[in-house]
Amino acid sequence: MGRKNLCFFSGVIISNPDFKFILNKNLNLKNSLHISICRFELKLENETIVTVKAYDELADFCYSSLKKGEVIAVSGRSNVLYEIENDFCQRLF
């Protein structure tokens, strides 16, 4: 599976990271692709707002380490809803 839409962004976190567990309808976590998700909004330099989504271990890192107002860099896959499925995240300042 290729990464046709790999993107890199930096910006300011403008919402508190929100962490949730993902429950499969069948309650069978073995068949679930992900166990947890963390979401937050990132404001880019050009004033565009994107939603960043991180899963599993990266979700735990984002929720426990990142705060509103911090400047970060992220990479991941983008979609038409201005959502970034995060593969990497690092605090810049």
N, C-alpha and C. Protein backbone atom coordinates (compact mmCIF):
# COMPACT_ATOMS: atom_id res chain seq x y z
N MET A 1 0.85 -1.18 0.00
CA MET A 1 0.00 0.00 0.00
C MET A 1 0.89 1.23 0.00
N GLY A 2 0.76 2.08 -1.00
CA GLY A 2 1.59 3.26 -1.13
C GLY A 2 1.10 4.41 -0.29
N ARG A 3 1.98 5.32 -0.05
CA ARG A 3 1.64 6.53 0.71
C ARG A 3 1.56 7.69 -0.26
N LYS A 4 0.49 7.75 -1.05
CA LYS A 4 0.33 8.75 -2.08
C LYS A 4 0.14 10.14 -1.52
N ASN A 5 -0.43 10.27 -0.35
CA ASN A 5 -0.73 11.59 0.18
C ASN A 5 0.00 11.87 1.49
N LEU A 6 1.25 11.45 1.58
CA LEU A 6 2.06 11.73 2.77
C LEU A 6 2.29 13.24 2.85
N CYS A 7 2.07 13.80 4.04
CA CYS A 7 2.20 15.24 4.20
C CYS A 7 2.93 15.57 5.50
N PHE A 8 3.49 16.77 5.52
CA PHE A 8 4.21 17.27 6.68
C PHE A 8 3.67 18.65 7.00
N PHE A 9 3.32 18.88 8.27
CA PHE A 9 2.77 20.16 8.69
C PHE A 9 3.43 20.58 10.00
N SER A 10 3.42 21.88 10.23
CA SER A 10 3.75 22.41 11.55
C SER A 10 2.73 23.49 11.86
N GLY A 11 2.42 23.62 13.14
CA GLY A 11 1.44 24.61 13.54
C GLY A 11 1.25 24.62 15.04
N VAL A 12 0.27 25.39 15.48
CA VAL A 12 -0.04 25.56 16.89
C VAL A 12 -1.26 24.71 17.23
N ILE A 13 -1.18 23.96 18.31
CA ILE A 13 -2.33 23.19 18.79
C ILE A 13 -3.35 24.17 19.35
N ILE A 14 -4.58 24.13 18.83
CA ILE A 14 -5.61 25.10 19.28
C ILE A 14 -6.75 24.44 20.05
N SER A 15 -6.66 23.14 20.28
CA SER A 15 -7.66 22.47 21.11
C SER A 15 -6.95 21.48 22.02
N ASN A 16 -7.53 21.21 23.16
CA ASN A 16 -6.94 20.21 24.05
C ASN A 16 -7.04 18.83 23.41
N PRO A 17 -5.96 18.04 23.45
CA PRO A 17 -6.05 16.68 22.92
C PRO A 17 -7.13 15.87 23.62
N ASP A 18 -7.94 15.16 22.83
CA ASP A 18 -9.06 14.36 23.34
C ASP A 18 -8.73 12.89 23.09
N PHE A 19 -8.69 12.10 24.15
CA PHE A 19 -8.32 10.68 24.07
C PHE A 19 -9.56 9.82 24.30
N LYS A 20 -9.74 8.81 23.44
CA LYS A 20 -10.86 7.88 23.61
C LYS A 20 -10.42 6.47 23.24
N PHE A 21 -11.07 5.50 23.85
CA PHE A 21 -10.87 4.11 23.44
C PHE A 21 -11.87 3.79 22.35
N ILE A 22 -11.44 3.00 21.38
CA ILE A 22 -12.30 2.58 20.28
C ILE A 22 -12.86 1.20 20.62
N LEU A 23 -14.17 1.12 20.67
CA LEU A 23 -14.81 -0.17 20.97
C LEU A 23 -15.43 -0.73 19.70
N ASN A 24 -15.05 -1.92 19.37
CA ASN A 24 -15.63 -2.62 18.22
C ASN A 24 -17.06 -3.00 18.58
N LYS A 25 -17.96 -2.97 17.61
CA LYS A 25 -19.36 -3.32 17.87
C LYS A 25 -19.48 -4.73 18.43
N ASN A 26 -18.60 -5.63 18.03
CA ASN A 26 -18.64 -7.02 18.51
C ASN A 26 -17.85 -7.19 19.81
N LEU A 27 -17.26 -6.11 20.30
CA LEU A 27 -16.43 -6.14 21.51
C LEU A 27 -15.29 -7.15 21.40
N ASN A 28 -14.81 -7.39 20.20
CA ASN A 28 -13.71 -8.29 19.96
C ASN A 28 -12.51 -7.45 19.54
N LEU A 29 -11.65 -7.09 20.50
CA LEU A 29 -10.53 -6.19 20.22
C LEU A 29 -9.48 -6.82 19.32
N LYS A 30 -9.46 -8.15 19.21
CA LYS A 30 -8.49 -8.81 18.34
C LYS A 30 -8.72 -8.45 16.87
N ASN A 31 -9.97 -8.21 16.50
CA ASN A 31 -10.30 -7.89 15.11
C ASN A 31 -10.29 -6.39 14.83
N SER A 32 -10.13 -5.58 15.86
CA SER A 32 -10.13 -4.14 15.69
C SER A 32 -8.76 -3.67 15.20
N LEU A 33 -8.75 -2.75 14.24
CA LEU A 33 -7.50 -2.24 13.70
C LEU A 33 -6.77 -1.37 14.73
N HIS A 34 -7.50 -0.57 15.49
CA HIS A 34 -6.91 0.30 16.50
C HIS A 34 -7.67 0.17 17.81
N ILE A 35 -6.98 0.48 18.91
CA ILE A 35 -7.59 0.38 20.23
C ILE A 35 -7.96 1.75 20.79
N SER A 36 -7.14 2.78 20.49
CA SER A 36 -7.41 4.10 21.04
C SER A 36 -7.11 5.18 20.00
N ILE A 37 -7.68 6.37 20.23
CA ILE A 37 -7.50 7.49 19.32
C ILE A 37 -7.38 8.78 20.13
N CYS A 38 -6.53 9.67 19.66
CA CYS A 38 -6.40 11.01 20.22
C CYS A 38 -6.59 12.00 19.08
N ARG A 39 -7.43 13.01 19.31
CA ARG A 39 -7.69 14.03 18.29
C ARG A 39 -7.44 15.42 18.87
N PHE A 40 -6.92 16.29 18.00
CA PHE A 40 -6.78 17.69 18.36
C PHE A 40 -6.70 18.51 17.08
N GLU A 41 -6.93 19.82 17.21
CA GLU A 41 -6.89 20.70 16.05
C GLU A 41 -5.58 21.45 16.01
N LEU A 42 -5.07 21.62 14.79
CA LEU A 42 -3.79 22.29 14.56
C LEU A 42 -4.03 23.45 13.60
N LYS A 43 -3.58 24.65 14.00
CA LYS A 43 -3.71 25.83 13.15
C LYS A 43 -2.38 26.07 12.45
N LEU A 44 -2.43 26.03 11.11
CA LEU A 44 -1.23 26.21 10.30
C LEU A 44 -0.92 27.69 10.12
N GLU A 45 0.25 27.98 9.58
CA GLU A 45 0.67 29.37 9.38
C GLU A 45 -0.27 30.14 8.47
N ASN A 46 -0.88 29.46 7.48
CA ASN A 46 -1.80 30.13 6.55
C ASN A 46 -3.23 30.20 7.10
N GLU A 47 -3.40 29.96 8.40
CA GLU A 47 -4.69 30.03 9.10
C GLU A 47 -5.61 28.83 8.84
N THR A 48 -5.16 27.85 8.06
CA THR A 48 -5.94 26.63 7.86
C THR A 48 -5.95 25.82 9.15
N ILE A 49 -7.10 25.26 9.48
CA ILE A 49 -7.22 24.41 10.67
C ILE A 49 -7.43 22.97 10.21
N VAL A 50 -6.56 22.08 10.70
CA VAL A 50 -6.68 20.66 10.37
C VAL A 50 -6.88 19.88 11.66
N THR A 51 -7.56 18.75 11.56
CA THR A 51 -7.72 17.85 12.69
C THR A 51 -6.66 16.77 12.59
N VAL A 52 -5.93 16.58 13.67
CA VAL A 52 -4.89 15.54 13.72
C VAL A 52 -5.45 14.37 14.51
N LYS A 53 -5.31 13.17 13.95
CA LYS A 53 -5.76 11.95 14.62
C LYS A 53 -4.56 11.03 14.79
N ALA A 54 -4.35 10.55 16.00
CA ALA A 54 -3.28 9.60 16.29
C ALA A 54 -3.90 8.36 16.92
N TYR A 55 -3.32 7.21 16.64
CA TYR A 55 -3.87 5.95 17.13
C TYR A 55 -2.90 5.23 18.06
N ASP A 56 -3.45 4.47 18.98
CA ASP A 56 -2.74 3.54 19.85
C ASP A 56 -1.59 4.19 20.62
N GLU A 57 -0.34 3.73 20.46
CA GLU A 57 0.78 4.26 21.24
C GLU A 57 1.01 5.75 20.97
N LEU A 58 0.88 6.15 19.72
CA LEU A 58 1.05 7.57 19.39
C LEU A 58 -0.08 8.40 20.01
N ALA A 59 -1.28 7.84 20.09
CA ALA A 59 -2.39 8.53 20.76
C ALA A 59 -2.06 8.77 22.22
N ASP A 60 -1.50 7.77 22.88
CA ASP A 60 -1.11 7.91 24.28
C ASP A 60 -0.04 8.98 24.44
N PHE A 61 0.95 8.99 23.54
CA PHE A 61 2.00 10.01 23.59
C PHE A 61 1.41 11.41 23.41
N CYS A 62 0.57 11.59 22.40
CA CYS A 62 -0.02 12.90 22.12
C CYS A 62 -0.85 13.40 23.29
N TYR A 63 -1.66 12.51 23.87
CA TYR A 63 -2.54 12.93 24.97
C TYR A 63 -1.73 13.30 26.22
N SER A 64 -0.70 12.53 26.51
CA SER A 64 0.06 12.76 27.74
C SER A 64 1.14 13.83 27.59
N SER A 65 1.57 14.14 26.37
CA SER A 65 2.71 15.03 26.19
C SER A 65 2.39 16.38 25.57
N LEU A 66 1.31 16.48 24.82
CA LEU A 66 1.02 17.71 24.09
C LEU A 66 -0.07 18.53 24.77
N LYS A 67 0.06 19.85 24.64
CA LYS A 67 -0.91 20.75 25.26
C LYS A 67 -1.32 21.85 24.28
N LYS A 68 -2.48 22.39 24.51
CA LYS A 68 -2.96 23.52 23.72
C LYS A 68 -1.95 24.66 23.79
N GLY A 69 -1.68 25.27 22.61
CA GLY A 69 -0.75 26.39 22.55
C GLY A 69 0.66 26.00 22.14
N GLU A 70 0.99 24.71 22.14
CA GLU A 70 2.33 24.28 21.74
C GLU A 70 2.46 24.25 20.22
N VAL A 71 3.68 24.50 19.74
CA VAL A 71 3.99 24.42 18.32
C VAL A 71 4.58 23.04 18.07
N ILE A 72 3.99 22.32 17.10
CA ILE A 72 4.45 20.95 16.82
C ILE A 72 4.62 20.75 15.31
N ALA A 73 5.32 19.68 14.97
CA ALA A 73 5.43 19.20 13.60
C ALA A 73 4.79 17.81 13.55
N VAL A 74 4.02 17.55 12.51
CA VAL A 74 3.39 16.24 12.33
C VAL A 74 3.60 15.77 10.90
N SER A 75 3.59 14.47 10.74
CA SER A 75 3.54 13.89 9.40
C SER A 75 2.50 12.79 9.41
N GLY A 76 1.91 12.56 8.26
CA GLY A 76 0.87 11.53 8.18
C GLY A 76 0.17 11.59 6.84
N ARG A 77 -0.98 10.96 6.78
CA ARG A 77 -1.80 10.92 5.57
C ARG A 77 -2.96 11.89 5.73
N SER A 78 -3.25 12.64 4.67
CA SER A 78 -4.34 13.60 4.73
C SER A 78 -5.56 13.07 3.98
N ASN A 79 -6.71 13.65 4.30
CA ASN A 79 -7.92 13.32 3.56
C ASN A 79 -8.67 14.60 3.21
N VAL A 80 -9.77 14.49 2.51
CA VAL A 80 -10.51 15.65 2.03
C VAL A 80 -11.22 16.42 3.14
N LEU A 81 -11.29 15.86 4.33
CA LEU A 81 -11.94 16.53 5.46
C LEU A 81 -10.94 17.34 6.30
N TYR A 82 -9.74 17.58 5.76
CA TYR A 82 -8.68 18.27 6.49
C TYR A 82 -8.31 17.53 7.77
N GLU A 83 -8.29 16.21 7.71
CA GLU A 83 -7.86 15.39 8.83
C GLU A 83 -6.52 14.76 8.47
N ILE A 84 -5.63 14.71 9.44
CA ILE A 84 -4.33 14.10 9.26
C ILE A 84 -4.26 12.86 10.14
N GLU A 85 -4.09 11.68 9.53
CA GLU A 85 -3.86 10.47 10.31
C GLU A 85 -2.37 10.43 10.61
N ASN A 86 -2.04 10.75 11.84
CA ASN A 86 -0.69 11.04 12.28
C ASN A 86 0.18 9.79 12.35
N ASP A 87 1.40 9.89 11.77
CA ASP A 87 2.41 8.84 11.89
C ASP A 87 3.56 9.27 12.79
N PHE A 88 3.76 10.59 12.90
CA PHE A 88 4.88 11.14 13.65
C PHE A 88 4.47 12.50 14.21
N CYS A 89 4.93 12.79 15.40
CA CYS A 89 4.61 14.07 16.03
C CYS A 89 5.77 14.48 16.92
N GLN A 90 6.15 15.76 16.84
CA GLN A 90 7.24 16.26 17.68
C GLN A 90 6.98 17.70 18.07
N ARG A 91 7.22 18.01 19.33
CA ARG A 91 7.09 19.37 19.83
C ARG A 91 8.27 20.18 19.31
N LEU A 92 8.01 21.40 18.81
CA LEU A 92 9.08 22.25 18.26
C LEU A 92 9.57 23.28 19.28
N PHE A 93 8.65 23.85 20.07
CA PHE A 93 9.04 24.86 21.06
C PHE A 93 8.47 24.51 22.40
